[in-house]
Amino acid sequence: MAAGAGAAAPGKVAKFEQNLNRAVDEVFSTMMGVSCAPVEHGGVAGQETLSALIGLAGALSGAMVLHCGRDAALEITERLTGVAPAGVDAMVRDAVGEVCNMVAGAWKGYDAELASGCLLSTPTVVSGTSYEVFSQRAPIRMERSYGFGNAGLMVTIYCELPSMNAF
C-alpha cells in the first residue's frame, strides 16, 4: 500500500511494490528454504518486536524497515543458522538485520536505476514493545505484510525520489 505517492508516478511505486514482493520471497526461499508471500495483515503490535532499518541514499533517499515479532525473529534466526536461539540475543539481532540487508539489496537490484545509483547503509536493529519508526519527510510510504511458516513480518519503505518528476 503506497501513501503520498501521487507525484512519484503510481506505476513506479507499483513496480517498487512488485519488486519488494519478489525480493522478500527470493531471500526467504533461497536463504531459509521457505516461501514468504504477501498477506493481508502481519502486524506485530503489542508484542516484543525487532525492527531492522537500512538507509537508502542516491537515486532514492529514505529507509527500508523490516519489522517482526519475537517468534518470527527466532524462526528467521533458526532457519538461517540451523541453531534454535533461546531468546533474543546478538545472533537474533544480527540475523534480522542481515535479512533486511538482503531484502534491500535484492529489491534495489530489480530496478536498473536503483541497482547502480542507490546506496545502502549497514543495518540498525531496534527491539522493544512500544516504539514507532517513521519518517516525517518521506512523501512515498510502501508498507507490505508477509507470512512464512507460522510467522509474519512487515516491510516498510519510506522514501523520496530526488527528482520526483523524472518518473
Protein backbone atom coordinates (compact mmCIF):
# COMPACT_ATOMS: atom_id res chain seq x y z
CA MET A 1 0.00 0.00 0.00
CA ALA A 2 1.55 3.29 -1.07
CA ALA A 3 0.73 6.56 0.61
CA GLY A 4 1.54 10.00 -0.66
CA ALA A 5 2.85 8.62 -3.93
CA GLY A 6 0.96 10.96 -6.25
CA ALA A 7 3.87 12.90 -7.74
CA ALA A 8 6.11 9.85 -7.99
CA ALA A 9 4.11 8.17 -10.76
CA PRO A 10 1.86 5.43 -9.45
CA GLY A 11 3.36 3.00 -11.98
CA LYS A 12 6.82 3.40 -10.49
CA VAL A 13 5.55 2.84 -6.95
CA ALA A 14 3.56 -0.23 -8.08
CA LYS A 15 6.74 -1.60 -9.67
CA PHE A 16 8.65 -0.96 -6.41
CA GLU A 17 5.95 -2.94 -4.54
CA GLN A 18 6.10 -5.83 -7.02
CA ASN A 19 9.87 -5.88 -6.73
CA LEU A 20 9.60 -5.90 -2.93
CA ASN A 21 7.30 -8.96 -3.03
CA ARG A 22 9.78 -10.67 -5.34
CA ALA A 23 12.80 -9.74 -3.20
CA VAL A 24 11.24 -10.93 0.07
CA ASP A 25 10.24 -14.28 -1.38
CA GLU A 26 13.62 -14.72 -3.09
CA VAL A 27 15.57 -14.09 0.13
CA PHE A 28 13.36 -16.36 2.24
CA SER A 29 13.26 -19.13 -0.39
CA THR A 30 16.99 -19.05 -1.13
CA MET A 31 18.40 -18.43 2.34
CA MET A 32 15.80 -20.14 4.55
CA GLY A 33 14.08 -22.68 2.32
CA VAL A 34 10.59 -21.28 2.95
CA SER A 35 8.18 -19.29 0.81
CA CYS A 36 7.32 -15.82 2.09
CA ALA A 37 4.26 -14.32 0.42
CA PRO A 38 2.15 -11.19 0.92
CA VAL A 39 -0.67 -11.49 3.47
CA GLU A 40 -3.49 -9.16 4.46
CA HIS A 41 -2.04 -8.10 7.79
CA GLY A 42 1.18 -9.15 9.50
CA GLY A 43 1.16 -6.60 12.28
CA VAL A 44 3.30 -7.10 15.34
CA ALA A 45 1.64 -4.63 17.72
CA GLY A 46 1.57 -5.49 21.41
CA GLN A 47 4.46 -7.94 21.41
CA GLU A 48 8.23 -7.72 21.61
CA THR A 49 9.28 -6.50 18.19
CA LEU A 50 12.55 -6.23 16.32
CA SER A 51 12.93 -3.66 13.56
CA ALA A 52 15.91 -3.58 11.24
CA LEU A 53 16.46 -0.34 9.35
CA ILE A 54 18.55 0.10 6.21
CA GLY A 55 19.17 3.64 4.94
CA LEU A 56 18.78 4.36 1.21
CA ALA A 57 20.72 7.16 -0.50
CA GLY A 58 21.33 8.35 -4.04
CA ALA A 59 18.72 7.67 -6.73
CA LEU A 60 16.30 7.06 -3.88
CA SER A 61 16.51 8.65 -0.45
CA GLY A 62 14.90 7.08 2.62
CA ALA A 63 14.87 3.80 4.50
CA MET A 64 13.65 0.23 4.39
CA VAL A 65 12.44 -1.17 7.71
CA LEU A 66 11.72 -4.84 8.40
CA HIS A 67 9.52 -5.38 11.49
CA CYS A 68 8.93 -8.78 13.05
CA GLY A 69 7.76 -10.15 16.35
CA ARG A 70 9.98 -12.11 18.71
CA ASP A 71 8.77 -15.51 17.48
CA ALA A 72 9.33 -14.59 13.84
CA ALA A 73 12.83 -13.30 14.66
CA LEU A 74 13.66 -16.56 16.43
CA GLU A 75 12.36 -18.57 13.48
CA ILE A 76 14.34 -16.46 10.99
CA THR A 77 17.49 -17.00 13.04
CA GLU A 78 16.98 -20.74 13.32
CA ARG A 79 16.31 -21.07 9.59
CA LEU A 80 19.40 -19.00 8.71
CA THR A 81 21.82 -20.57 11.18
CA GLY A 82 20.41 -24.01 11.95
CA VAL A 83 20.61 -23.14 15.66
CA ALA A 84 17.48 -22.55 17.75
CA PRO A 85 18.13 -19.43 19.85
CA ALA A 86 16.87 -19.46 23.45
CA GLY A 87 15.84 -15.82 23.24
CA VAL A 88 16.56 -12.52 21.57
CA ASP A 89 20.31 -12.03 21.64
CA ALA A 90 23.07 -10.65 19.40
CA MET A 91 22.72 -13.56 16.96
CA VAL A 92 18.99 -12.90 16.55
CA ARG A 93 19.53 -9.16 16.06
CA ASP A 94 22.27 -9.88 13.51
CA ALA A 95 20.02 -12.33 11.63
CA VAL A 96 17.12 -9.87 11.40
CA GLY A 97 19.50 -7.10 10.29
CA GLU A 98 21.05 -9.34 7.66
CA VAL A 99 17.67 -10.40 6.28
CA CYS A 100 16.70 -6.73 5.93
CA ASN A 101 20.03 -6.07 4.20
CA MET A 102 19.50 -8.96 1.77
CA VAL A 103 15.92 -7.88 1.00
CA ALA A 104 17.03 -4.28 0.39
CA GLY A 105 19.86 -5.43 -1.89
CA ALA A 106 17.62 -7.76 -3.88
CA TRP A 107 14.87 -5.14 -4.10
CA LYS A 108 17.10 -2.39 -5.48
CA GLY A 109 18.75 -4.92 -7.83
CA TYR A 110 15.49 -5.39 -9.75
CA ASP A 111 15.49 -1.74 -10.89
CA ALA A 112 18.39 -0.68 -13.16
CA GLU A 113 18.47 2.89 -11.85
CA LEU A 114 18.43 1.82 -8.20
CA ALA A 115 20.91 -1.01 -8.78
CA SER A 116 23.57 1.42 -9.95
CA GLY A 117 22.53 4.61 -8.17
CA CYS A 118 21.17 3.73 -4.73
CA LEU A 119 23.47 3.02 -1.80
CA LEU A 120 22.52 1.03 1.31
CA SER A 121 23.64 1.68 4.87
CA THR A 122 24.57 -1.03 7.33
CA PRO A 123 21.54 -2.29 9.29
CA THR A 124 20.45 -0.78 12.59
CA VAL A 125 18.28 -3.04 14.76
CA VAL A 126 15.88 -1.77 17.41
CA SER A 127 13.89 -4.01 19.76
CA GLY A 128 11.20 -3.43 22.33
CA THR A 129 7.46 -3.45 22.93
CA SER A 130 6.41 0.15 22.45
CA TYR A 131 8.07 2.20 19.75
CA GLU A 132 7.30 3.61 16.33
CA VAL A 133 9.58 4.04 13.32
CA PHE A 134 8.55 6.81 10.96
CA SER A 135 9.88 9.40 8.56
CA GLN A 136 8.43 12.89 8.66
CA ARG A 137 9.59 13.98 5.24
CA ALA A 138 9.20 10.93 3.00
CA PRO A 139 6.39 11.52 0.50
CA ILE A 140 6.31 7.83 -0.51
CA ARG A 141 5.45 5.13 2.01
CA MET A 142 5.03 1.49 0.98
CA GLU A 143 4.01 -0.99 3.65
CA ARG A 144 3.65 -4.71 2.95
CA SER A 145 2.91 -7.66 5.25
CA TYR A 146 4.28 -11.16 4.59
CA GLY A 147 3.81 -14.62 6.00
CA PHE A 148 6.26 -17.52 6.20
CA GLY A 149 5.76 -20.78 8.07
CA ASN A 150 3.66 -19.82 11.10
CA ALA A 151 5.17 -16.36 11.37
CA GLY A 152 4.82 -12.97 9.78
CA LEU A 153 6.67 -9.76 9.23
CA MET A 154 6.15 -6.33 7.76
CA VAL A 155 8.41 -4.34 5.43
CA THR A 156 8.02 -0.58 5.11
CA ILE A 157 9.86 1.66 2.67
CA TYR A 158 9.87 5.39 3.37
CA CYS A 159 11.41 7.32 0.51
CA GLU A 160 11.58 10.22 -1.86
CA LEU A 161 12.99 10.35 -5.33
CA PRO A 162 15.43 13.26 -5.74
CA SER A 163 13.74 14.19 -9.00
CA MET A 164 10.13 13.17 -8.41
CA ASN A 165 9.12 14.48 -11.86
CA ALA A 166 11.64 12.24 -13.65
CA PHE A 167 9.31 9.28 -13.24
